[in-house]
Amino acid sequence: MNTKHRKTLEAIFHNPVNSNLEWKKIEALLVALGAKVVEGNGSQVSFYLGGKRLDVHRPHPRKEALKYRVKLVRQFLENAGVNP
């Protein structure tokens, strides 16, 4: 995990929830952590990490993740044993 990934991880766990976080940075972090990515229909994507699964839709037309997506990713990472 590089410095950019670490900053993204810290932003995901920051309170209050960050709504200016680009989705591509979140995906890059998950891949760097070793998550398996499975593309679904349209914007659907699934991530598998530490025996846990996260199903989300990529944001569009905006590139920023909404707060609820950041919260879902935070919960997914916690459940998979990842903390900042």
N, C-alpha and C. Protein backbone atom coordinates (compact mmCIF):
# COMPACT_ATOMS: atom_id res chain seq x y z
N MET A 1 0.86 -1.17 0.00
CA MET A 1 0.00 0.00 0.00
C MET A 1 0.91 1.23 0.00
N ASN A 2 0.66 2.12 -0.95
CA ASN A 2 1.48 3.33 -1.02
C ASN A 2 0.84 4.49 -0.24
N THR A 3 1.48 5.64 -0.29
CA THR A 3 1.03 6.80 0.47
C THR A 3 -0.37 7.25 0.05
N LYS A 4 -0.66 7.22 -1.25
CA LYS A 4 -1.99 7.62 -1.73
C LYS A 4 -3.06 6.69 -1.17
N HIS A 5 -2.76 5.40 -1.16
CA HIS A 5 -3.73 4.44 -0.62
C HIS A 5 -3.95 4.68 0.87
N ARG A 6 -2.87 4.94 1.60
CA ARG A 6 -2.99 5.19 3.04
C ARG A 6 -3.85 6.43 3.31
N LYS A 7 -3.66 7.49 2.51
CA LYS A 7 -4.46 8.71 2.68
C LYS A 7 -5.93 8.43 2.38
N THR A 8 -6.20 7.61 1.37
CA THR A 8 -7.58 7.24 1.05
C THR A 8 -8.19 6.45 2.20
N LEU A 9 -7.42 5.51 2.77
CA LEU A 9 -7.90 4.72 3.90
C LEU A 9 -8.24 5.62 5.08
N GLU A 10 -7.38 6.57 5.37
CA GLU A 10 -7.63 7.51 6.46
C GLU A 10 -8.87 8.36 6.18
N ALA A 11 -9.07 8.75 4.92
CA ALA A 11 -10.24 9.56 4.55
C ALA A 11 -11.53 8.75 4.72
N ILE A 12 -11.48 7.45 4.43
CA ILE A 12 -12.66 6.61 4.58
C ILE A 12 -13.07 6.51 6.04
N PHE A 13 -12.09 6.45 6.94
CA PHE A 13 -12.39 6.30 8.36
C PHE A 13 -12.51 7.63 9.10
N HIS A 14 -12.38 8.74 8.38
CA HIS A 14 -12.48 10.07 9.00
C HIS A 14 -13.93 10.38 9.38
N ASN A 15 -14.11 11.03 10.51
CA ASN A 15 -15.43 11.51 10.92
C ASN A 15 -15.40 13.01 10.96
N PRO A 16 -16.39 13.73 10.43
CA PRO A 16 -17.57 13.21 9.73
C PRO A 16 -17.19 12.60 8.38
N VAL A 17 -18.11 11.83 7.83
CA VAL A 17 -17.87 11.10 6.59
C VAL A 17 -17.56 12.08 5.45
N ASN A 18 -16.52 11.76 4.71
CA ASN A 18 -16.06 12.59 3.60
C ASN A 18 -16.92 12.32 2.36
N SER A 19 -17.49 13.37 1.79
CA SER A 19 -18.31 13.19 0.58
C SER A 19 -17.59 13.70 -0.67
N ASN A 20 -16.32 14.05 -0.56
CA ASN A 20 -15.54 14.51 -1.71
C ASN A 20 -14.48 13.50 -2.12
N LEU A 21 -14.68 12.25 -1.76
CA LEU A 21 -13.71 11.20 -2.04
C LEU A 21 -14.03 10.56 -3.39
N GLU A 22 -13.06 10.57 -4.29
CA GLU A 22 -13.28 10.00 -5.62
C GLU A 22 -13.39 8.48 -5.54
N TRP A 23 -14.36 7.94 -6.26
CA TRP A 23 -14.59 6.50 -6.23
C TRP A 23 -13.38 5.72 -6.75
N LYS A 24 -12.71 6.25 -7.78
CA LYS A 24 -11.57 5.51 -8.34
C LYS A 24 -10.46 5.34 -7.32
N LYS A 25 -10.32 6.27 -6.38
CA LYS A 25 -9.32 6.14 -5.32
C LYS A 25 -9.71 5.04 -4.34
N ILE A 26 -11.01 4.92 -4.07
CA ILE A 26 -11.49 3.86 -3.19
C ILE A 26 -11.24 2.51 -3.84
N GLU A 27 -11.58 2.39 -5.13
CA GLU A 27 -11.34 1.13 -5.85
C GLU A 27 -9.86 0.79 -5.87
N ALA A 28 -9.00 1.76 -6.11
CA ALA A 28 -7.56 1.52 -6.13
C ALA A 28 -7.07 1.02 -4.77
N LEU A 29 -7.60 1.56 -3.69
CA LEU A 29 -7.25 1.11 -2.35
C LEU A 29 -7.66 -0.34 -2.15
N LEU A 30 -8.90 -0.67 -2.52
CA LEU A 30 -9.38 -2.03 -2.34
C LEU A 30 -8.54 -3.04 -3.11
N VAL A 31 -8.16 -2.69 -4.32
CA VAL A 31 -7.31 -3.56 -5.13
C VAL A 31 -5.94 -3.70 -4.48
N ALA A 32 -5.39 -2.60 -3.97
CA ALA A 32 -4.08 -2.63 -3.31
C ALA A 32 -4.11 -3.50 -2.05
N LEU A 33 -5.26 -3.57 -1.41
CA LEU A 33 -5.40 -4.40 -0.21
C LEU A 33 -5.59 -5.88 -0.56
N GLY A 34 -5.74 -6.17 -1.85
CA GLY A 34 -5.88 -7.54 -2.30
C GLY A 34 -7.29 -7.99 -2.57
N ALA A 35 -8.22 -7.04 -2.66
CA ALA A 35 -9.61 -7.40 -2.93
C ALA A 35 -9.77 -7.92 -4.35
N LYS A 36 -10.59 -8.93 -4.50
CA LYS A 36 -10.94 -9.45 -5.82
C LYS A 36 -12.11 -8.62 -6.33
N VAL A 37 -12.04 -8.16 -7.57
CA VAL A 37 -13.07 -7.32 -8.17
C VAL A 37 -13.83 -8.14 -9.21
N VAL A 38 -15.16 -8.14 -9.09
CA VAL A 38 -16.01 -8.84 -10.04
C VAL A 38 -16.99 -7.83 -10.62
N GLU A 39 -16.88 -7.62 -11.93
CA GLU A 39 -17.76 -6.68 -12.61
C GLU A 39 -19.14 -7.30 -12.79
N GLY A 40 -20.17 -6.50 -12.56
CA GLY A 40 -21.54 -6.96 -12.78
C GLY A 40 -22.14 -6.26 -13.98
N ASN A 41 -23.45 -6.21 -14.02
CA ASN A 41 -24.16 -5.52 -15.10
C ASN A 41 -24.12 -4.02 -14.87
N GLY A 42 -23.90 -3.27 -15.93
CA GLY A 42 -23.89 -1.82 -15.83
C GLY A 42 -22.80 -1.33 -14.90
N SER A 43 -23.19 -0.58 -13.87
CA SER A 43 -22.22 -0.02 -12.95
C SER A 43 -22.03 -0.88 -11.70
N GLN A 44 -22.66 -2.04 -11.67
CA GLN A 44 -22.56 -2.94 -10.52
C GLN A 44 -21.15 -3.52 -10.43
N VAL A 45 -20.61 -3.55 -9.21
CA VAL A 45 -19.30 -4.15 -8.98
C VAL A 45 -19.31 -4.79 -7.60
N SER A 46 -18.63 -5.93 -7.48
CA SER A 46 -18.51 -6.63 -6.20
C SER A 46 -17.04 -6.74 -5.83
N PHE A 47 -16.76 -6.59 -4.54
CA PHE A 47 -15.41 -6.73 -4.02
C PHE A 47 -15.42 -7.84 -2.98
N TYR A 48 -14.39 -8.68 -3.01
CA TYR A 48 -14.23 -9.77 -2.05
C TYR A 48 -12.89 -9.59 -1.34
N LEU A 49 -12.95 -9.54 -0.01
CA LEU A 49 -11.73 -9.36 0.78
C LEU A 49 -11.93 -9.99 2.15
N GLY A 50 -11.00 -10.82 2.55
CA GLY A 50 -11.05 -11.42 3.88
C GLY A 50 -12.32 -12.21 4.14
N GLY A 51 -12.84 -12.86 3.12
CA GLY A 51 -14.06 -13.65 3.28
C GLY A 51 -15.34 -12.82 3.31
N LYS A 52 -15.23 -11.54 3.08
CA LYS A 52 -16.40 -10.63 3.08
C LYS A 52 -16.66 -10.14 1.67
N ARG A 53 -17.89 -9.71 1.43
CA ARG A 53 -18.29 -9.25 0.10
C ARG A 53 -18.99 -7.90 0.20
N LEU A 54 -18.67 -7.02 -0.75
CA LEU A 54 -19.32 -5.72 -0.86
C LEU A 54 -19.87 -5.58 -2.26
N ASP A 55 -21.17 -5.34 -2.38
CA ASP A 55 -21.82 -5.10 -3.66
C ASP A 55 -22.25 -3.64 -3.72
N VAL A 56 -21.78 -2.92 -4.71
CA VAL A 56 -22.14 -1.51 -4.88
C VAL A 56 -22.26 -1.17 -6.36
N HIS A 57 -22.85 -0.02 -6.61
CA HIS A 57 -22.88 0.55 -7.96
C HIS A 57 -21.87 1.69 -7.98
N ARG A 58 -21.09 1.74 -9.04
CA ARG A 58 -20.16 2.87 -9.18
C ARG A 58 -20.99 4.15 -9.37
N PRO A 59 -20.51 5.24 -8.77
CA PRO A 59 -21.25 6.49 -8.93
C PRO A 59 -21.19 7.01 -10.37
N HIS A 60 -22.28 7.58 -10.82
CA HIS A 60 -22.33 8.21 -12.13
C HIS A 60 -23.49 9.18 -12.12
N PRO A 61 -23.48 10.28 -12.77
CA PRO A 61 -22.40 10.77 -13.62
C PRO A 61 -21.25 11.40 -12.84
N ARG A 62 -21.43 11.62 -11.54
CA ARG A 62 -20.36 12.23 -10.74
C ARG A 62 -19.29 11.20 -10.42
N LYS A 63 -18.10 11.67 -10.12
CA LYS A 63 -17.01 10.74 -9.80
C LYS A 63 -16.80 10.56 -8.31
N GLU A 64 -17.44 11.41 -7.48
CA GLU A 64 -17.30 11.31 -6.04
C GLU A 64 -18.27 10.28 -5.47
N ALA A 65 -17.82 9.58 -4.44
CA ALA A 65 -18.66 8.60 -3.75
C ALA A 65 -19.56 9.34 -2.77
N LEU A 66 -20.83 9.01 -2.77
CA LEU A 66 -21.74 9.60 -1.81
C LEU A 66 -21.43 9.06 -0.42
N LYS A 67 -21.90 9.76 0.60
CA LYS A 67 -21.58 9.39 1.98
C LYS A 67 -21.97 7.96 2.30
N TYR A 68 -23.11 7.50 1.80
CA TYR A 68 -23.54 6.16 2.14
C TYR A 68 -22.59 5.11 1.55
N ARG A 69 -22.01 5.40 0.39
CA ARG A 69 -21.05 4.46 -0.21
C ARG A 69 -19.77 4.41 0.62
N VAL A 70 -19.32 5.57 1.08
CA VAL A 70 -18.12 5.62 1.92
C VAL A 70 -18.38 4.83 3.21
N LYS A 71 -19.57 4.97 3.79
CA LYS A 71 -19.91 4.22 5.00
C LYS A 71 -19.94 2.72 4.73
N LEU A 72 -20.47 2.32 3.57
CA LEU A 72 -20.48 0.90 3.20
C LEU A 72 -19.06 0.35 3.08
N VAL A 73 -18.19 1.12 2.46
CA VAL A 73 -16.80 0.69 2.29
C VAL A 73 -16.12 0.60 3.65
N ARG A 74 -16.37 1.57 4.52
CA ARG A 74 -15.79 1.55 5.87
C ARG A 74 -16.21 0.29 6.61
N GLN A 75 -17.50 -0.01 6.58
CA GLN A 75 -18.01 -1.20 7.25
C GLN A 75 -17.41 -2.47 6.65
N PHE A 76 -17.32 -2.51 5.32
CA PHE A 76 -16.72 -3.66 4.63
C PHE A 76 -15.27 -3.86 5.08
N LEU A 77 -14.50 -2.78 5.13
CA LEU A 77 -13.10 -2.88 5.53
C LEU A 77 -12.98 -3.34 6.99
N GLU A 78 -13.81 -2.78 7.86
CA GLU A 78 -13.79 -3.20 9.27
C GLU A 78 -14.08 -4.68 9.40
N ASN A 79 -15.11 -5.15 8.68
CA ASN A 79 -15.50 -6.56 8.73
C ASN A 79 -14.40 -7.47 8.18
N ALA A 80 -13.62 -6.95 7.23
CA ALA A 80 -12.53 -7.73 6.63
C ALA A 80 -11.24 -7.61 7.46
N GLY A 81 -11.29 -6.85 8.55
CA GLY A 81 -10.13 -6.73 9.43
C GLY A 81 -9.13 -5.65 9.06
N VAL A 82 -9.58 -4.68 8.27
CA VAL A 82 -8.69 -3.59 7.84
C VAL A 82 -9.05 -2.33 8.61
N ASN A 83 -8.06 -1.71 9.24
CA ASN A 83 -8.24 -0.45 9.97
C ASN A 83 -7.08 0.47 9.62
N PRO A 84 -7.29 1.78 9.74
CA PRO A 84 -6.19 2.71 9.41
C PRO A 84 -5.05 2.63 10.42
